[in-house]
């Protein structure tokens, strides 16, 4: 038996769930302590992170291989979706639009527009999504988010495939 957590599906899923919790806590720190306001694309990435964490926690809780593999597969799809949104935001940061399309945050959009208009606005992104407010080692929050989502998708995918 290997000592590496990646060879133990329940441990791996637990570690991924804890990583998601830590990343969400760091996002809350950046928002509430540092004062960075999340853009609509950041909020979508947070929801994806919550969903990956919940699916990974459920996969860790289930003893049956079939359920675990299914939950890990769903977590991989959600992580890849989060990576796509983070990649799109990174693209907007590298190539910002010439005209800022929207300056409202998600809550402002919900208060002022009907839901059928808010959902496309959230996924379209805005000028706020192209702002670079924080970097670490030369990478923005969106860049780090992209890397974390890809790493989680890779680890969860490998774990699910290996547990066959």
Protein backbone atom coordinates (compact mmCIF):
# COMPACT_ATOMS: atom_id res chain seq x y z
CA UNK A 1 0.00 0.00 0.00
CA UNK A 2 1.27 3.41 -0.92
CA UNK A 3 1.62 6.23 1.56
CA UNK A 4 0.69 8.86 -1.01
CA UNK A 5 -2.83 10.25 -0.56
CA UNK A 6 -3.48 10.19 -4.31
CA UNK A 7 -3.48 6.39 -4.17
CA UNK A 8 -6.33 6.46 -1.64
CA UNK A 9 -9.50 7.89 -3.21
CA UNK A 10 -11.20 8.85 0.04
CA UNK A 11 -8.11 10.66 1.35
CA UNK A 12 -7.59 12.40 -1.95
CA UNK A 13 -11.20 13.57 -2.09
CA UNK A 14 -10.93 14.78 1.52
CA UNK A 15 -7.77 16.75 0.73
CA UNK A 16 -9.41 18.32 -2.32
CA UNK A 17 -12.43 19.31 -0.20
CA UNK A 18 -10.09 20.88 2.37
CA UNK A 19 -8.18 22.70 -0.38
CA UNK A 20 -11.46 24.11 -1.69
CA UNK A 21 -12.37 25.27 1.80
CA UNK A 22 -8.97 26.93 2.20
CA UNK A 23 -9.22 28.66 -1.17
CA UNK A 24 -12.72 29.92 -0.36
CA UNK A 25 -11.48 31.20 3.01
CA UNK A 26 -8.65 33.03 1.27
CA UNK A 27 -11.15 34.56 -1.16
CA UNK A 28 -13.24 35.77 1.78
CA UNK A 29 -10.09 37.22 3.36
CA UNK A 30 -9.28 39.11 0.16
CA UNK A 31 -12.83 40.40 -0.02
CA UNK A 32 -13.55 41.30 3.60
CA UNK A 33 -10.11 42.13 5.00
CA UNK A 34 -8.14 43.41 2.00
CA UNK A 35 -11.23 45.01 0.44
CA UNK A 36 -11.22 43.47 -3.05
CA UNK A 37 -14.69 43.27 -4.57
CA UNK A 38 -15.32 40.13 -6.63
CA UNK A 39 -16.48 40.53 -10.21
CA UNK A 40 -19.23 38.35 -11.72
CA UNK A 41 -16.67 35.88 -13.09
CA UNK A 42 -15.03 35.62 -9.65
CA UNK A 43 -18.41 34.77 -8.17
CA UNK A 44 -19.00 32.05 -10.75
CA UNK A 45 -15.56 30.61 -9.90
CA UNK A 46 -16.47 30.65 -6.20
CA UNK A 47 -19.64 28.69 -6.90
CA UNK A 48 -17.62 26.20 -8.94
CA UNK A 49 -15.15 25.88 -6.05
CA UNK A 50 -17.98 25.31 -3.58
CA UNK A 51 -19.46 22.64 -5.84
CA UNK A 52 -16.11 20.87 -6.34
CA UNK A 53 -15.60 20.90 -2.56
CA UNK A 54 -19.06 19.51 -1.84
CA UNK A 55 -18.73 16.80 -4.50
CA UNK A 56 -15.27 15.85 -3.23
CA UNK A 57 -16.55 15.71 0.37
CA UNK A 58 -19.44 13.50 -0.70
CA UNK A 59 -17.03 11.26 -2.64
CA UNK A 60 -14.92 10.94 0.50
CA UNK A 61 -18.00 10.04 2.55
CA UNK A 62 -19.28 7.29 0.22
CA UNK A 63 -17.76 3.85 0.58
CA UNK A 64 -19.17 2.47 -2.67
CA UNK A 65 -16.83 2.75 -5.64
CA UNK A 66 -19.59 3.45 -8.14
CA UNK A 67 -20.93 6.45 -6.24
CA UNK A 68 -17.44 7.73 -5.52
CA UNK A 69 -16.39 7.49 -9.17
CA UNK A 70 -19.57 9.24 -10.28
CA UNK A 71 -19.10 12.06 -7.79
CA UNK A 72 -15.43 12.41 -8.72
CA UNK A 73 -16.40 12.55 -12.39
CA UNK A 74 -18.90 15.32 -11.68
CA UNK A 75 -16.27 17.17 -9.63
CA UNK A 76 -13.86 16.95 -12.56
CA UNK A 77 -16.47 18.46 -14.91
CA UNK A 78 -17.20 21.29 -12.47
CA UNK A 79 -13.47 21.93 -11.96
CA UNK A 80 -12.95 22.10 -15.73
CA UNK A 81 -15.86 24.53 -15.98
CA UNK A 82 -14.27 26.67 -13.26
CA UNK A 83 -10.96 26.51 -15.15
CA UNK A 84 -12.74 27.70 -18.30
CA UNK A 85 -14.20 30.74 -16.50
CA UNK A 86 -10.81 31.50 -14.92
CA UNK A 87 -9.12 31.20 -18.32
CA UNK A 88 -11.67 33.59 -19.82
CA UNK A 89 -11.06 36.07 -17.00
CA UNK A 90 -7.30 35.75 -17.47
CA UNK A 91 -7.81 36.49 -21.16
CA UNK A 92 -9.81 39.61 -20.25
CA UNK A 93 -7.02 40.70 -17.93
CA UNK A 94 -4.34 40.21 -20.57
CA UNK A 95 -6.44 41.82 -23.31
CA UNK A 96 -8.85 44.21 -21.58
CA UNK A 97 -11.80 45.48 -23.60
CA UNK A 98 -11.51 49.03 -24.86
CA UNK A 99 -14.96 49.94 -23.56
CA UNK A 100 -16.08 48.90 -20.12
CA UNK A 101 -19.41 47.17 -20.58
CA UNK A 102 -20.65 47.10 -17.00
CA UNK A 103 -19.48 48.48 -13.71
CA UNK A 104 -22.02 46.79 -11.43
CA UNK A 105 -21.36 43.87 -9.14
CA UNK A 106 -23.64 40.84 -9.09
CA UNK A 107 -25.82 42.13 -6.25
CA UNK A 108 -26.30 45.46 -8.00
CA UNK A 109 -27.32 43.66 -11.17
CA UNK A 110 -29.82 41.46 -9.29
CA UNK A 111 -31.36 44.50 -7.59
CA UNK A 112 -31.72 46.49 -10.82
CA UNK A 113 -32.42 43.94 -13.55
CA UNK A 114 -34.71 40.94 -13.99
CA UNK A 115 -33.05 37.57 -13.47
CA UNK A 116 -33.30 36.65 -17.17
CA UNK A 117 -30.99 39.61 -17.93
CA UNK A 118 -28.68 39.09 -14.93
CA UNK A 119 -27.59 35.54 -15.80
CA UNK A 120 -26.21 36.48 -19.25
CA UNK A 121 -24.50 39.54 -17.70
CA UNK A 122 -22.75 37.37 -15.12
CA UNK A 123 -21.38 34.98 -17.72
CA UNK A 124 -20.45 37.72 -20.18
CA UNK A 125 -18.09 39.45 -17.76
CA UNK A 126 -17.45 43.15 -17.52
CA UNK A 127 -14.75 45.74 -17.26
CA UNK A 128 -14.43 44.82 -13.60
CA UNK A 129 -13.39 41.31 -14.59
CA UNK A 130 -10.42 42.68 -16.49
CA UNK A 131 -9.06 44.60 -13.48
CA UNK A 132 -5.91 43.24 -11.86
CA UNK A 133 -6.15 44.16 -8.18
CA UNK A 134 -3.86 41.54 -6.63
CA UNK A 135 -0.93 39.42 -7.76
CA UNK A 136 1.30 36.80 -6.20
CA UNK A 137 4.48 35.63 -7.94
CA UNK A 138 3.37 37.59 -11.00
CA UNK A 139 0.04 35.76 -11.35
CA UNK A 140 -3.40 37.25 -10.81
CA UNK A 141 -6.22 35.69 -8.81
CA UNK A 142 -7.77 34.43 -12.06
CA UNK A 143 -4.44 32.84 -13.09
CA UNK A 144 -4.11 31.07 -9.72
CA UNK A 145 -7.74 30.00 -9.88
CA UNK A 146 -7.15 28.48 -13.31
CA UNK A 147 -4.12 26.54 -12.05
CA UNK A 148 -5.95 25.29 -8.95
CA UNK A 149 -8.97 24.17 -10.96
CA UNK A 150 -6.75 22.31 -13.45
CA UNK A 151 -4.79 20.67 -10.64
CA UNK A 152 -7.98 19.58 -8.89
CA UNK A 153 -9.46 18.24 -12.14
CA UNK A 154 -6.28 16.31 -12.84
CA UNK A 155 -5.97 14.82 -9.36
CA UNK A 156 -9.67 13.96 -9.11
CA UNK A 157 -9.71 12.52 -12.63
CA UNK A 158 -6.65 10.40 -11.95
CA UNK A 159 -8.11 9.25 -8.63
CA UNK A 160 -11.44 8.31 -10.20
CA UNK A 161 -9.75 6.48 -13.09
CA UNK A 162 -7.33 4.68 -10.79
CA UNK A 163 -10.04 3.51 -8.41
CA UNK A 164 -11.53 1.25 -11.11
